[in-house]
Protein backbone atom coordinates (compact mmCIF):
# COMPACT_ATOMS: atom_id res chain seq x y z
CA MET A 1 237.28 112.81 93.65
CA ARG A 2 234.19 111.56 92.64
CA LEU A 3 233.44 107.93 92.78
CA THR A 4 230.22 106.27 91.23
CA THR A 5 228.98 103.00 90.69
CA TYR A 6 227.48 101.50 87.42
CA GLN A 7 226.09 98.15 86.37
CA THR A 8 227.39 95.83 83.96
CA GLY A 9 226.57 92.17 83.20
CA ASP A 10 229.10 91.32 85.56
CA GLY A 11 227.71 93.07 88.55
CA ASN A 12 228.39 96.69 90.16
CA GLN A 13 231.43 98.46 88.97
CA LEU A 14 233.23 101.15 90.46
CA GLY A 15 233.90 104.56 88.33
CA ILE A 16 236.05 107.67 88.72
CA VAL A 17 234.01 110.67 87.46
CA THR A 18 236.63 113.17 85.51
CA GLU A 19 236.72 115.62 82.36
CA ARG A 20 237.48 112.74 80.11
CA GLY A 21 234.32 110.84 81.38
CA ILE A 22 234.06 107.84 83.94
CA LEU A 23 236.83 106.26 84.37
CA ASP A 24 236.62 102.16 83.97
CA VAL A 25 238.46 101.45 87.48
CA ALA A 26 238.63 97.85 86.98
CA ALA A 27 240.00 98.27 83.57
CA ALA A 28 242.40 100.82 84.21
CA ALA A 29 243.86 98.89 87.06
CA ALA A 30 244.45 95.36 84.79
CA ALA A 31 246.01 97.91 82.34
CA ALA A 32 248.10 98.82 84.94
CA GLY A 33 249.07 95.64 85.93
CA VAL A 34 247.38 95.57 89.26
CA GLN A 35 246.08 91.85 90.35
CA ARG A 36 243.57 93.12 93.11
CA SER A 37 240.31 92.92 92.81
CA ILE A 38 238.95 96.60 92.21
CA THR A 39 234.89 96.60 92.86
CA PRO A 40 233.25 98.80 94.75
CA ASP A 41 232.82 96.23 97.88
CA ALA A 42 236.47 95.68 97.94
CA VAL A 43 237.27 99.37 97.44
CA TYR A 44 234.66 100.72 100.29
CA GLY A 45 235.76 97.99 102.50
CA ARG A 46 239.08 99.34 102.56
CA GLY A 47 237.78 102.54 102.85
CA ASN A 48 240.30 105.87 103.04
CA ALA A 49 243.45 103.15 102.89
CA VAL A 50 242.94 103.10 98.83
CA LEU A 51 242.01 106.40 97.80
CA GLY A 52 245.77 107.30 97.34
CA ARG A 53 245.66 104.81 94.66
CA LEU A 54 242.93 105.04 93.06
CA ARG A 55 244.25 108.73 92.61
CA MET A 56 247.34 107.36 91.04
CA LEU A 57 245.48 105.24 88.92
CA ALA A 58 242.63 108.11 87.55
CA GLU A 59 245.98 110.53 86.87
CA SER A 60 248.06 107.51 85.22
CA ALA A 61 244.91 106.16 82.98
CA THR A 62 246.09 107.97 79.35
CA ASP A 63 243.82 105.17 77.10
CA ALA A 64 240.70 106.91 75.93
CA ALA A 65 239.35 103.29 75.60
CA LEU A 66 239.26 103.36 79.87
CA TYR A 67 236.59 105.79 79.98
CA LEU A 68 233.13 105.41 79.28
CA ASN A 69 230.24 108.16 78.61
CA GLU A 70 227.99 109.03 81.82
CA ALA A 71 224.86 109.33 79.52
CA ASP A 72 225.59 105.64 78.68
CA LEU A 73 225.73 104.00 82.26
CA THR A 74 223.19 102.86 84.36
CA TYR A 75 223.72 103.89 87.60
CA GLY A 76 224.23 101.33 90.52
CA PRO A 77 223.95 102.55 94.41
CA ALA A 78 226.74 104.75 95.04
CA VAL A 79 227.45 102.29 97.91
CA PRO A 80 226.22 99.21 97.27
CA ASN A 81 226.27 96.91 100.12
CA PRO A 82 227.55 99.26 103.26
CA GLY A 83 227.97 96.92 106.35
CA LYS A 84 225.69 98.84 108.50
CA ILE A 85 223.48 101.73 107.90
CA LEU A 86 222.75 104.30 110.80
CA CYS A 87 220.25 106.63 110.32
CA VAL A 88 219.40 110.05 112.37
CA GLY A 89 215.44 110.86 113.33
CA LEU A 90 215.19 114.32 114.15
CA ASN A 91 218.05 116.00 113.66
CA TYR A 92 217.56 119.19 112.05
CA GLN A 93 215.92 121.94 114.29
CA LYS A 94 213.34 122.95 111.90
CA HIS A 95 212.20 119.52 111.19
CA ALA A 96 211.36 118.76 114.76
CA ALA A 97 209.70 121.66 115.03
CA GLU A 98 207.04 121.08 111.96
CA THR A 99 206.52 117.39 113.42
CA GLY A 100 205.93 119.08 116.95
CA ALA A 101 208.64 116.61 118.63
CA THR A 102 211.09 117.59 121.15
CA PRO A 103 214.68 118.56 120.07
CA PRO A 104 216.40 115.33 121.29
CA ASP A 105 218.95 115.67 123.72
CA GLU A 106 221.31 113.06 122.15
CA PRO A 107 221.09 111.50 118.60
CA VAL A 108 218.06 109.28 117.76
CA LEU A 109 219.75 106.37 115.92
CA PHE A 110 218.26 103.57 114.06
CA SER A 111 218.95 101.42 111.23
CA LYS A 112 218.00 100.18 107.86
CA PHE A 113 218.93 96.86 106.34
CA ASN A 114 220.65 96.62 102.94
CA ASN A 115 217.02 95.69 101.11
CA SER A 116 216.51 99.10 101.37
CA ILE A 117 219.43 100.22 99.39
CA ALA A 118 218.12 101.68 95.95
CA ALA A 119 220.33 103.16 92.97
CA PRO A 120 219.40 106.73 91.07
CA ASN A 121 217.10 106.39 88.97
CA GLU A 122 215.67 103.20 90.13
CA VAL A 123 211.92 102.80 90.52
CA ILE A 124 210.82 102.59 94.00
CA PRO A 125 207.71 99.91 94.38
CA LEU A 126 204.85 100.86 96.84
CA GLN A 127 202.64 98.53 97.78
CA GLY A 128 198.81 99.05 98.13
CA ASP A 129 198.37 99.05 101.63
CA TRP A 130 201.64 101.79 101.87
CA THR A 131 199.50 104.76 102.18
CA ARG A 132 201.75 107.21 104.08
CA VAL A 133 205.04 107.31 102.30
CA ASP A 134 207.07 110.22 102.86
CA TYR A 135 210.32 111.66 101.50
CA GLU A 136 213.63 112.76 103.36
CA SER A 137 216.48 114.38 101.80
CA GLU A 138 219.45 113.72 103.69
CA LEU A 139 223.34 113.98 103.58
CA GLY A 140 225.12 110.62 103.63
CA VAL A 141 228.44 109.71 105.23
CA VAL A 142 230.65 107.04 104.30
CA ILE A 143 232.75 105.82 106.89
CA GLY A 144 236.58 105.39 105.06
CA ALA A 145 238.56 103.67 108.89
CA THR A 146 237.58 101.81 111.54
CA ALA A 147 236.16 104.31 114.40
CA ARG A 148 235.83 103.26 118.08
CA ASN A 149 235.31 105.57 120.85
CA VAL A 150 236.74 108.70 118.50
CA SER A 151 236.48 112.15 119.93
CA VAL A 152 234.40 114.90 118.14
CA ASP A 153 237.39 116.69 116.99
CA ASP A 154 238.86 113.52 115.11
CA ALA A 155 235.61 112.40 113.86
CA LEU A 156 235.73 113.81 110.56
CA ASP A 157 238.97 111.80 110.23
CA TYR A 158 237.04 108.31 109.57
CA VAL A 159 234.85 109.95 106.93
CA LEU A 160 235.47 108.67 103.02
CA GLY A 161 233.27 110.68 101.65
CA TYR A 162 229.49 111.91 101.22
CA CYS A 163 226.72 111.35 99.02
CA ASN A 164 223.06 112.11 98.81
CA MET A 165 220.75 109.88 100.36
CA ASN A 166 216.67 109.89 100.76
CA ASP A 167 215.47 108.50 103.53
CA LEU A 168 211.79 107.27 102.47
CA SER A 169 209.48 106.35 105.32
CA GLU A 170 205.98 104.43 105.24
CA ARG A 171 204.63 106.65 108.53
CA ARG A 172 201.57 104.39 109.22
CA LEU A 173 204.21 101.68 110.05
CA GLN A 174 206.63 103.56 111.52
CA MET A 175 204.66 104.67 114.37
CA LEU A 176 202.64 101.25 114.58
CA SER A 177 204.67 99.67 117.18
CA GLY A 178 206.78 102.34 119.08
CA GLN A 179 210.12 102.04 116.77
CA TRP A 180 210.62 102.64 113.38
CA LEU A 181 212.08 100.08 111.82
CA LEU A 182 208.70 98.78 109.91
CA GLY A 183 208.26 102.20 108.14
CA LYS A 184 211.80 102.63 107.64
CA THR A 185 213.84 99.60 105.95
CA LEU A 186 211.00 98.68 103.31
CA ASP A 187 212.55 97.51 100.10
CA LYS A 188 214.21 100.05 98.13
CA PHE A 189 213.13 103.04 100.37
CA LEU A 190 217.20 104.36 100.85
CA PRO A 191 218.05 105.77 97.02
CA LEU A 192 221.90 107.20 97.28
CA GLY A 193 223.95 108.54 95.02
CA PRO A 194 224.98 108.85 92.38
CA TYR A 195 228.36 110.06 93.55
CA VAL A 196 230.50 109.50 96.72
CA VAL A 197 232.45 112.93 96.66
CA THR A 198 235.55 112.22 99.06
CA ALA A 199 236.20 113.99 102.20
CA ASP A 200 238.68 116.53 100.90
CA GLU A 201 236.37 118.31 98.21
CA VAL A 202 234.00 118.75 101.46
CA PRO A 203 236.05 120.80 103.75
CA ASP A 204 232.75 121.75 106.06
CA PRO A 205 229.66 119.14 105.82
CA GLN A 206 228.21 121.92 108.25
CA ASN A 207 227.48 124.24 105.35
CA LEU A 208 225.92 122.49 102.66
CA ALA A 209 222.42 123.37 100.97
CA ILE A 210 220.35 120.84 101.01
CA LYS A 211 216.95 120.41 98.74
CA GLY A 212 214.41 118.07 97.38
CA TRP A 213 211.84 118.45 94.92
CA LEU A 214 208.43 116.36 94.37
CA ASN A 215 207.68 116.14 90.77
CA GLY A 216 209.41 119.34 89.97
CA GLU A 217 207.98 121.46 93.08
CA LEU A 218 210.75 122.67 95.91
CA ARG A 219 209.91 120.99 99.02
CA GLN A 220 212.89 120.94 101.17
CA SER A 221 215.20 124.08 101.04
CA SER A 222 217.57 124.06 103.93
CA ASN A 223 221.65 123.94 104.81
CA THR A 224 223.26 121.25 107.24
CA ALA A 225 224.39 124.13 109.39
CA ASP A 226 220.43 123.34 111.01
CA MET A 227 221.22 119.97 112.05
CA ILE A 228 221.28 119.44 116.05
CA PHE A 229 224.00 117.15 115.94
CA THR A 230 226.93 117.65 113.54
CA VAL A 231 228.32 114.86 111.11
CA ALA A 232 231.20 114.72 113.68
CA GLU A 233 228.85 114.44 117.04
CA VAL A 234 226.89 111.60 115.20
CA ILE A 235 230.03 109.76 114.14
CA ALA A 236 231.40 110.10 117.91
CA TYR A 237 228.40 109.20 119.55
CA ALA A 238 227.82 106.15 117.38
CA SER A 239 231.71 105.19 118.03
CA LYS A 240 230.99 104.93 121.67
CA VAL A 241 228.49 102.34 121.32
CA MET A 242 229.43 99.96 118.28
CA THR A 243 232.85 100.24 115.73
CA LEU A 244 232.28 101.63 112.79
CA SER A 245 234.30 100.28 109.82
CA PRO A 246 234.73 101.25 106.52
CA GLY A 247 231.83 101.30 104.13
CA ASP A 248 229.25 101.78 106.80
CA VAL A 249 227.13 104.84 106.10
CA ILE A 250 225.09 107.29 108.22
CA SER A 251 222.29 108.98 106.99
CA THR A 252 222.15 112.09 109.27
CA GLY A 253 218.74 113.39 109.11
CA THR A 254 216.33 115.39 107.26
CA PRO A 255 215.40 118.96 107.09
CA GLU A 256 211.79 120.86 107.39
CA GLY A 257 209.56 120.21 104.06
CA VAL A 258 208.24 116.48 104.59
CA ILE A 259 204.81 115.60 104.05
CA MET A 260 204.41 114.67 107.90
CA GLY A 261 204.93 118.18 108.93
CA MET A 262 202.38 119.49 106.77
CA GLU A 263 198.85 120.55 107.54
CA ASP A 264 197.17 119.05 104.16
CA LYS A 265 199.12 115.70 103.88
CA VAL A 266 199.27 114.38 100.21
CA TRP A 267 201.34 111.02 100.67
CA LEU A 268 203.52 110.01 97.90
CA LYS A 269 202.03 107.53 94.90
CA ALA A 270 202.76 105.71 92.09
CA GLY A 271 203.99 108.37 89.35
CA ASP A 272 205.30 110.45 91.58
CA GLU A 273 209.18 111.50 91.69
CA TYR A 274 211.07 112.69 93.94
CA SER A 275 214.98 114.58 93.77
CA VAL A 276 217.23 115.19 96.14
CA GLU A 277 220.82 117.79 96.03
CA VAL A 278 223.05 118.29 98.69
CA GLU A 279 225.51 120.90 97.77
CA GLY A 280 228.58 119.48 95.34
CA LEU A 281 227.15 115.86 95.70
CA GLY A 282 225.11 116.04 92.16
CA ARG A 283 221.51 114.75 92.18
CA LEU A 284 219.48 111.90 93.44
CA VAL A 285 216.20 111.47 91.29
CA ASN A 286 213.66 108.13 91.78
CA ARG A 287 210.06 107.30 90.40
CA MET A 288 207.27 105.80 92.85
CA VAL A 289 205.68 102.94 90.79
CA GLU A 290 203.13 100.37 92.29
CA ALA A 291 204.53 97.34 93.53
């Protein structure tokens, strides 16, 4: 199942991608007599527990009026309001090599905040003193069940689904103080979407092509098999030190091809467009503009 979020005058709404179009989940639920709120926040906050009901809703919705044309919609962030945003640094072998870093012995975790969330096709504002802005194509993981001290073997059972992410970074700020927060959690510096593809449709998250294009030029082309720490290992590791909750998101690291790893560094500027595509998850496109 593919979930998406789209914007309306009443805020972000949840949709299910079908062959007939985007099913308006709230309208379909109302038509079926469901009284519970069906907002994206409500669904992701309940996680895997509601997926079965969403599937039943999609299967039973026969009224054509419940379906929308995707081309007419303005996407919202695939997960508009995650409880936590965790990111993994230096998690691809070739990316660590291109930056001259020693591959870490344990996952390098850092956080972003919700101000960094952006929607597909949303413009990303760059301030004039942000002169070293970089792209990072990443596989995003959406947590679907409360996870605390879970094993690697069981970790993927706690995943609701997967999405594209772009972990945009301002490298000067990232390296300014010895920790990465300033350069990572700038406004709109974590676009994600356009879909959350449920875990049952992604049988092996460690065998997905991951690509990124700058203004149509292929810059990143790898496979999640190059991760140093697998999705399962990252979830298990994080769950040892914090409780992961439904609706939390994890951005699992970027492969080689970032600007920071190049000899001639031409950083992102207003007018540039970056596209991220993880196999099977659609395409995430955002354009940089002057703030």
